[in-house]
Protein backbone atom coordinates (compact mmCIF):
# COMPACT_ATOMS: atom_id res chain seq x y z
CA UNK A 1 17.66 -42.39 -40.21
CA UNK A 2 15.02 -39.36 -38.78
CA UNK A 3 16.34 -36.51 -37.12
CA UNK A 4 16.02 -36.24 -33.10
CA UNK A 5 13.45 -33.73 -31.67
CA UNK A 6 14.77 -30.75 -29.66
CA UNK A 7 13.60 -30.72 -26.02
CA UNK A 8 11.49 -27.45 -25.50
CA UNK A 9 13.31 -24.52 -24.91
CA UNK A 10 17.20 -26.05 -26.01
CA UNK A 11 19.40 -26.28 -28.73
CA UNK A 12 21.17 -28.56 -30.65
CA UNK A 13 24.86 -28.92 -31.63
CA UNK A 14 26.16 -25.91 -32.68
CA UNK A 15 28.41 -25.97 -35.85
CA UNK A 16 31.33 -23.51 -36.20
CA UNK A 17 31.75 -22.35 -39.77
CA UNK A 18 32.71 -19.76 -42.34
CA UNK A 19 30.19 -17.53 -43.80
CA UNK A 20 31.31 -15.25 -46.36
CA UNK A 21 34.85 -15.69 -44.38
CA UNK A 22 34.01 -15.17 -41.53
CA UNK A 23 33.73 -16.90 -38.60
CA UNK A 24 30.17 -17.70 -37.44
CA UNK A 25 28.09 -20.29 -35.40
CA UNK A 26 24.90 -21.83 -36.39
CA UNK A 27 22.21 -23.91 -34.65
CA UNK A 28 18.59 -25.08 -34.46
CA UNK A 29 16.87 -24.02 -31.27
CA UNK A 30 13.01 -24.62 -30.12
CA UNK A 31 10.92 -22.38 -28.20
CA UNK A 32 8.60 -22.45 -25.81
CA UNK A 33 5.80 -22.17 -28.31
CA UNK A 34 7.58 -25.71 -29.60
CA UNK A 35 8.62 -24.08 -33.03
CA UNK A 36 12.08 -25.15 -34.44
CA UNK A 37 14.45 -22.00 -35.13
CA UNK A 38 17.79 -21.58 -36.82
CA UNK A 39 20.10 -18.91 -35.53
CA UNK A 40 24.02 -17.89 -36.36
CA UNK A 41 26.25 -15.74 -34.68
CA UNK A 42 29.23 -13.82 -35.82
CA UNK A 43 32.59 -12.86 -34.22
CA UNK A 44 36.20 -12.33 -34.19
CA UNK A 45 36.79 -16.08 -33.56
CA UNK A 46 34.69 -19.00 -34.02
CA UNK A 47 35.02 -19.70 -30.01
CA UNK A 48 34.05 -16.27 -29.76
CA UNK A 49 30.91 -16.94 -32.22
CA UNK A 50 30.06 -19.49 -30.76
CA UNK A 51 29.83 -17.88 -27.16
CA UNK A 52 27.16 -15.00 -28.83
CA UNK A 53 25.58 -17.71 -30.13
CA UNK A 54 24.71 -19.56 -26.50
CA UNK A 55 23.91 -15.91 -25.11
CA UNK A 56 21.57 -14.87 -28.04
CA UNK A 57 19.51 -18.16 -27.97
CA UNK A 58 19.29 -17.47 -24.00
CA UNK A 59 18.35 -14.07 -24.36
CA UNK A 60 15.48 -15.14 -26.82
CA UNK A 61 14.27 -18.09 -24.97
CA UNK A 62 13.88 -15.83 -21.71
CA UNK A 63 12.07 -13.88 -23.91
CA UNK A 64 10.08 -16.16 -25.79
CA UNK A 65 6.03 -15.65 -24.81
CA UNK A 66 6.91 -13.15 -21.58
CA UNK A 67 8.21 -16.55 -19.95
CA UNK A 68 10.60 -16.43 -16.75
CA UNK A 69 13.97 -19.00 -16.25
CA UNK A 70 16.42 -19.43 -13.78
CA UNK A 71 18.64 -16.86 -15.83
CA UNK A 72 15.80 -14.36 -15.49
CA UNK A 73 16.56 -11.17 -12.97
CA UNK A 74 14.69 -10.09 -10.26
CA UNK A 75 13.92 -6.51 -12.62
CA UNK A 76 12.96 -9.03 -15.24
CA UNK A 77 10.49 -10.85 -13.29
CA UNK A 78 9.39 -7.64 -11.16
CA UNK A 79 8.53 -6.24 -14.48
CA UNK A 80 6.56 -9.28 -15.66
CA UNK A 81 4.67 -9.06 -12.49
CA UNK A 82 3.87 -5.24 -12.74
CA UNK A 83 2.19 -6.58 -15.98
CA UNK A 84 -0.06 -9.10 -14.65
CA UNK A 85 -3.74 -8.74 -14.24
CA UNK A 86 -3.71 -9.29 -10.44
CA UNK A 87 -2.58 -5.45 -10.50
CA UNK A 88 -5.83 -4.41 -11.51
CA UNK A 89 -7.43 -5.37 -7.92
CA UNK A 90 -5.12 -3.17 -5.93
CA UNK A 91 -5.92 0.40 -5.55
CA UNK A 92 -4.01 3.12 -7.44
CA UNK A 93 -2.40 4.33 -4.23
CA UNK A 94 -0.72 0.50 -3.49
CA UNK A 95 0.20 0.48 -7.38
CA UNK A 96 2.18 3.30 -7.06
CA UNK A 97 3.54 2.52 -3.80
CA UNK A 98 4.44 -0.83 -4.83
CA UNK A 99 5.94 0.72 -8.20
CA UNK A 100 7.86 3.10 -6.14
CA UNK A 101 9.57 0.79 -4.14
CA UNK A 102 10.45 -1.11 -6.84
CA UNK A 103 11.88 1.48 -8.59
CA UNK A 104 13.66 2.92 -5.89
CA UNK A 105 14.57 0.14 -3.86
CA UNK A 106 14.84 -3.39 -5.46
CA UNK A 107 15.98 -2.43 -8.58
CA UNK A 108 19.16 -0.94 -7.25
CA UNK A 109 19.84 -3.31 -4.83
CA UNK A 110 18.69 -6.63 -6.12
CA UNK A 111 17.54 -6.05 -9.34
CA UNK A 112 20.50 -7.99 -11.06
CA UNK A 113 19.89 -11.04 -9.07
CA UNK A 114 18.39 -14.15 -10.64
CA UNK A 115 16.06 -16.28 -10.16
CA UNK A 116 18.84 -19.21 -9.73
CA UNK A 117 20.68 -17.24 -7.10
CA UNK A 118 17.57 -15.96 -5.15
CA UNK A 119 18.03 -18.36 -2.20
CA UNK A 120 16.76 -18.19 0.77
CA UNK A 121 20.13 -16.63 2.94
CA UNK A 122 20.51 -13.91 -0.10
CA UNK A 123 17.15 -12.74 0.17
CA UNK A 124 17.09 -12.93 4.28
CA UNK A 125 20.73 -10.58 4.04
CA UNK A 126 18.60 -7.97 1.88
CA UNK A 127 15.76 -7.31 3.60
CA UNK A 128 17.36 -7.33 6.89
CA UNK A 129 19.56 -4.32 5.12
CA UNK A 130 16.31 -3.03 3.77
CA UNK A 131 14.91 -3.03 7.36
CA UNK A 132 18.04 -1.11 9.01
CA UNK A 133 18.51 1.24 6.26
CA UNK A 134 14.80 2.15 5.39
CA UNK A 135 12.45 0.74 8.44
CA UNK A 136 10.33 -1.81 9.24
CA UNK A 137 7.40 -0.65 7.16
CA UNK A 138 9.43 -0.37 3.69
CA UNK A 139 10.95 -3.84 4.63
CA UNK A 140 7.52 -5.09 4.85
CA UNK A 141 6.76 -3.65 1.41
CA UNK A 142 9.60 -5.01 -0.60
CA UNK A 143 8.95 -8.17 0.68
CA UNK A 144 5.40 -8.33 -0.14
CA UNK A 145 6.67 -7.23 -3.43
CA UNK A 146 9.51 -9.43 -3.71
CA UNK A 147 6.87 -12.37 -2.61
CA UNK A 148 4.50 -11.34 -5.62
CA UNK A 149 7.68 -11.33 -8.07
CA UNK A 150 8.92 -14.94 -6.76
CA UNK A 151 5.49 -16.28 -6.61
CA UNK A 152 5.14 -15.62 -10.28
CA UNK A 153 8.72 -16.89 -11.14
CA UNK A 154 7.48 -20.09 -9.72
CA UNK A 155 4.36 -20.27 -11.79
CA UNK A 156 6.92 -19.63 -14.91
CA UNK A 157 8.92 -22.89 -13.76
CA UNK A 158 11.71 -20.58 -13.24
CA UNK A 159 12.87 -21.37 -9.57
CA UNK A 160 11.25 -24.11 -7.51
CA UNK A 161 9.95 -22.95 -4.59
CA UNK A 162 9.32 -18.82 -3.46
CA UNK A 163 12.34 -18.27 -1.08
CA UNK A 164 10.25 -15.12 0.83
CA UNK A 165 8.09 -18.03 2.46
CA UNK A 166 10.87 -19.18 4.77
CA UNK A 167 12.14 -15.68 5.65
CA UNK A 168 11.58 -14.99 9.09
CA UNK A 169 9.10 -11.86 10.46
CA UNK A 170 10.24 -8.49 10.25
CA UNK A 171 11.01 -6.78 13.78
CA UNK A 172 8.00 -4.37 13.52
CA UNK A 173 9.74 -1.93 16.51
CA UNK A 174 5.88 -1.04 17.24
CA UNK A 175 5.00 1.04 19.88
CA UNK A 176 1.84 0.31 21.70
CA UNK A 177 -1.75 2.61 20.41
CA UNK A 178 -1.55 5.58 22.13
CA UNK A 179 -4.71 7.77 21.76
CA UNK A 180 -5.53 11.40 22.35
CA UNK A 181 -7.64 11.46 25.45
CA UNK A 182 -11.46 13.10 25.62
CA UNK A 183 -9.95 16.21 27.42
CA UNK A 184 -7.24 16.22 24.29
CA UNK A 185 -9.57 16.49 21.94
CA UNK A 186 -11.57 19.17 23.56
CA UNK A 187 -8.86 21.03 23.40
CA UNK A 188 -7.21 20.34 20.14
CA UNK A 189 -11.04 21.44 18.89
CA UNK A 190 -10.87 24.38 20.35
CA UNK A 191 -7.29 24.96 18.80
CA UNK A 192 -8.00 24.15 15.34
CA UNK A 193 -11.67 26.48 15.37
CA UNK A 194 -9.35 29.40 16.87
CA UNK A 195 -6.68 28.66 14.10
CA UNK A 196 -9.46 29.63 11.16
CA UNK A 197 -10.68 32.71 12.65
CA UNK A 198 -6.85 34.14 13.44
CA UNK A 199 -5.91 35.89 10.02
CA UNK A 200 -2.62 34.50 8.84
CA UNK A 201 0.76 35.94 8.70
CA UNK A 202 -0.54 38.43 5.67
CA UNK A 203 -3.46 39.66 7.85
CA UNK A 204 -5.89 37.62 5.45
CA UNK A 205 -8.54 35.58 6.30
CA UNK A 206 -7.91 31.62 6.43
CA UNK A 207 -9.23 29.30 3.99
CA UNK A 208 -8.65 25.89 5.45
CA UNK A 209 -11.57 25.68 7.49
CA UNK A 210 -9.78 22.95 10.09
CA UNK A 211 -12.42 23.31 12.85
CA UNK A 212 -15.25 21.96 10.77
CA UNK A 213 -12.76 19.27 9.14
CA UNK A 214 -12.00 18.12 12.42
CA UNK A 215 -15.75 18.09 13.78
CA UNK A 216 -16.38 15.66 11.07
CA UNK A 217 -13.44 13.52 12.16
CA UNK A 218 -14.01 12.88 15.80
CA UNK A 219 -17.88 12.97 15.19
CA UNK A 220 -17.52 9.36 12.22
CA UNK A 221 -13.58 8.37 13.05
CA UNK A 222 -13.26 8.24 8.84
CA UNK A 223 -9.98 8.80 7.07
CA UNK A 224 -9.23 12.30 5.82
CA UNK A 225 -9.40 10.55 2.19
CA UNK A 226 -12.84 9.54 3.04
CA UNK A 227 -14.06 12.83 4.59
CA UNK A 228 -12.30 15.11 1.26
CA UNK A 229 -14.33 12.47 -1.43
CA UNK A 230 -17.55 13.23 0.23
CA UNK A 231 -19.80 14.72 -2.10
CA UNK A 232 -23.46 16.57 -0.87
CA UNK A 233 -25.30 13.49 -2.22
CA UNK A 234 -23.80 11.24 0.37
CA UNK A 235 -25.02 13.33 3.26
CA UNK A 236 -28.89 12.25 4.62
CA UNK A 237 -29.88 15.21 6.53
CA UNK A 238 -33.48 13.69 7.06
CA UNK A 239 -31.99 10.50 9.20
CA UNK A 240 -28.59 12.63 10.38
CA UNK A 241 -26.02 10.11 8.32
CA UNK A 242 -23.49 10.05 6.47
CA UNK A 243 -22.49 7.57 3.48
CA UNK A 244 -18.89 6.32 3.14
CA UNK A 245 -18.22 5.04 -0.11
CA UNK A 246 -15.00 6.46 -1.91
CA UNK A 247 -12.30 8.14 -1.21
CA UNK A 248 -9.24 10.85 -2.89
CA UNK A 249 -6.45 9.16 -4.69
CA UNK A 250 -3.72 10.36 -6.71
CA UNK A 251 -4.41 8.76 -10.18
CA UNK A 252 -1.85 7.36 -12.61
CA UNK A 253 -1.47 10.56 -14.55
CA UNK A 254 -0.65 12.31 -10.89
CA UNK A 255 -4.10 14.25 -10.23
CA UNK A 256 -6.20 14.17 -7.68
CA UNK A 257 -9.31 12.40 -7.90
CA UNK A 258 -12.38 10.09 -6.47
CA UNK A 259 -11.75 6.15 -5.94
CA UNK A 260 -15.31 5.13 -6.33
CA UNK A 261 -14.72 2.52 -3.39
CA UNK A 262 -13.27 3.02 0.12
CA UNK A 263 -9.87 1.56 0.79
CA UNK A 264 -11.67 -1.95 1.16
CA UNK A 265 -15.16 -3.69 0.92
CA UNK A 266 -15.98 -3.50 4.75
CA UNK A 267 -14.93 0.11 4.26
CA UNK A 268 -18.20 1.05 2.64
CA UNK A 269 -20.59 2.28 5.65
CA UNK A 270 -23.06 4.51 6.42
CA UNK A 271 -22.65 6.45 9.73
CA UNK A 272 -25.24 8.24 12.06
CA UNK A 273 -23.72 11.33 12.97
CA UNK A 274 -23.87 13.40 16.38
CA UNK A 275 -25.65 16.16 16.54
CA UNK A 276 -22.64 18.98 16.50
CA UNK A 277 -21.64 17.53 13.48
CA UNK A 278 -25.10 17.41 11.46
CA UNK A 279 -25.76 21.23 12.59
CA UNK A 280 -22.05 21.76 11.18
CA UNK A 281 -23.00 20.21 8.25
CA UNK A 282 -26.06 21.93 7.59
CA UNK A 283 -24.62 25.45 7.62
CA UNK A 284 -21.94 24.39 5.17
CA UNK A 285 -24.45 23.04 2.91
CA UNK A 286 -25.90 26.72 3.09
CA UNK A 287 -23.08 28.34 2.06
CA UNK A 288 -21.70 25.64 -0.06
CA UNK A 289 -20.83 26.85 -3.82
CA UNK A 290 -19.43 23.33 -5.24
CA UNK A 291 -20.41 19.40 -4.78
CA UNK A 292 -17.71 18.48 -2.60
CA UNK A 293 -18.40 18.90 1.15
CA UNK A 294 -14.94 19.78 2.03
CA UNK A 295 -13.38 21.55 -0.97
CA UNK A 296 -10.12 23.55 -1.44
CA UNK A 297 -10.50 26.86 -1.59
CA UNK A 298 -11.01 27.17 -5.41
CA UNK A 299 -13.94 24.33 -5.32
CA UNK A 300 -11.74 21.27 -6.16
CA UNK A 301 -10.69 18.18 -4.35
CA UNK A 302 -8.93 18.86 -1.84
CA UNK A 303 -5.22 17.84 -1.32
CA UNK A 304 -4.48 15.66 1.54
CA UNK A 305 -0.67 16.99 2.00
CA UNK A 306 -2.39 20.63 2.25
CA UNK A 307 -4.27 19.40 4.79
CA UNK A 308 -1.52 17.96 7.11
CA UNK A 309 1.00 21.59 6.40
CA UNK A 310 -2.08 23.32 7.91
CA UNK A 311 -2.72 21.11 10.68
CA UNK A 312 0.80 21.15 11.68
CA UNK A 313 0.83 24.70 11.29
CA UNK A 314 -2.12 25.04 13.95
CA UNK A 315 -0.71 22.70 15.98
CA UNK A 316 2.33 24.42 16.23
CA UNK A 317 3.56 25.45 19.47
CA UNK A 318 1.20 23.40 21.51
CA UNK A 319 1.23 20.11 23.19
CA UNK A 320 -0.41 17.93 20.59
CA UNK A 321 2.12 18.50 17.28
CA UNK A 322 2.78 14.85 17.41
CA UNK A 323 -1.19 14.39 16.74
CA UNK A 324 -1.74 13.68 13.43
CA UNK A 325 -5.65 13.05 11.72
CA UNK A 326 -4.68 9.35 11.89
CA UNK A 327 -4.77 9.90 16.10
CA UNK A 328 -8.00 11.32 15.62
CA UNK A 329 -9.44 7.94 14.29
CA UNK A 330 -7.80 6.05 17.18
CA UNK A 331 -8.97 8.52 19.61
CA UNK A 332 -12.61 7.85 18.00
CA UNK A 333 -11.82 3.85 18.27
CA UNK A 334 -10.91 4.02 22.01
CA UNK A 335 -13.52 6.22 22.75
CA UNK A 336 -16.18 3.85 21.01
CA UNK A 337 -14.48 0.93 22.60
CA UNK A 338 -14.78 1.89 26.25
CA UNK A 339 -18.30 3.06 25.30
CA UNK A 340 -20.20 0.43 23.35
CA UNK A 341 -17.28 -2.00 22.95
CA UNK A 342 -15.12 -3.51 20.39
CA UNK A 343 -16.78 -4.55 17.93
CA UNK A 344 -19.21 -0.92 17.43
CA UNK A 345 -15.94 0.37 16.96
CA UNK A 346 -14.64 -2.24 14.46
CA UNK A 347 -18.15 -0.92 12.76
CA UNK A 348 -17.30 2.72 13.00
CA UNK A 349 -13.90 2.45 11.46
CA UNK A 350 -15.06 0.00 8.98
CA UNK A 351 -12.57 -2.51 9.19
CA UNK A 352 -13.27 -6.22 8.08
CA UNK A 353 -12.10 -8.03 11.42
CA UNK A 354 -12.00 -6.69 15.03
CA UNK A 355 -8.09 -8.07 15.21
CA UNK A 356 -7.07 -4.66 12.99
CA UNK A 357 -9.15 -2.56 15.39
CA UNK A 358 -7.45 -3.52 18.10
CA UNK A 359 -3.85 -4.09 17.14
CA UNK A 360 -3.97 -0.58 15.51
CA UNK A 361 -6.33 1.94 16.71
CA UNK A 362 -7.52 1.41 20.37
CA UNK A 363 -5.30 2.20 23.45
CA UNK A 364 -4.75 -0.71 25.64
CA UNK A 365 -6.82 -0.48 28.70
CA UNK A 366 -4.67 1.40 31.80
CA UNK A 367 -7.23 -0.65 34.08
CA UNK A 368 -9.00 -3.72 33.64
CA UNK A 369 -12.64 -3.76 34.46
CA UNK A 370 -13.74 -4.44 38.30
CA UNK A 371 -14.41 -8.36 38.00
CA UNK A 372 -13.60 -8.59 41.86
CA UNK A 373 -17.16 -9.36 42.49
CA UNK A 374 -17.08 -12.58 40.07
CA UNK A 375 -13.45 -13.43 41.76
CA UNK A 376 -15.38 -13.36 45.12
CA UNK A 377 -16.92 -16.82 44.23
CA UNK A 378 -13.88 -18.52 44.35
CA UNK A 379 -13.87 -17.83 48.42
CA UNK A 380 -17.81 -17.74 48.51
CA UNK A 381 -18.58 -21.28 47.70
CA UNK A 382 -16.12 -22.85 49.93
CA UNK A 383 -17.52 -21.03 52.94
């Protein structure tokens, strides 16, 4: 009678024998490739040898071809996901953020949970704890990572469904958008230019050039990384335009580099500059000593954390200390909305949808438009 075939990723009868006088457990198993293999393990007793053999076969089946199973942990599944080709579609910054949150938060807090143990209630409790301890923003990032990890596990057959799909939303605690006013921008512009011409604490000339950077920010609404990635080839002095097509990022090696595309496809745009920005860029072009429009003092790419430090120092002791470069982006979006409408603001900022612009960058109207004339029609038509 022919020997029955083993099911895929299973093992047959375990035999307890003695090999050279040592308690030994022996069995055949069939891995994920369909190949039949023999495995044996020894221990102090026959029962212990069988337990050691079962653990070894489970590990061999879990590791075969990188497949995940119900006994795989979140950490194992996470490492498998980080090797997936889909990660190549994310920006370097996004991959670094995902890796940091995974290593610092998920591995220690949820990494030893197995796929078969990752129930909706258990994942939900963990996510609520993350939101409480680390804030809504980090919780949303952790949720995104877990969703990808569990989706991979579902594709491998390690779990029947993705538990993240059934979770409630992470409470954002989001405050209404607040944008600096026209008078705020005028005051801050004066402060930034005065900072540049005032000697530092040692009496030396400052090299921050915050005034010019501030003028470029309010002239474009671009992200600081997009501004600091500009080279002179991106400026068209004839048409008075600037091409936003790249940004600065910290590479896998920890060094600052230029990413040859902006944050999103919609972020590729050509912006028409106001006169004051063209004049400022013309002056800088004459004085330029390297390819970058807004370089560091040594002619290299400028680090964003240096900009933030100098920005805070310039605004120290003023009513505008809480205003960040991102706040300027909101001011630009709100000003354009007020003058030209939401769609113009969306296209200026480089968003794929006006929903993002309205939700995150435009300050709500303090007063609705005067539509009293239109509403008078209700009464006039009845008279």
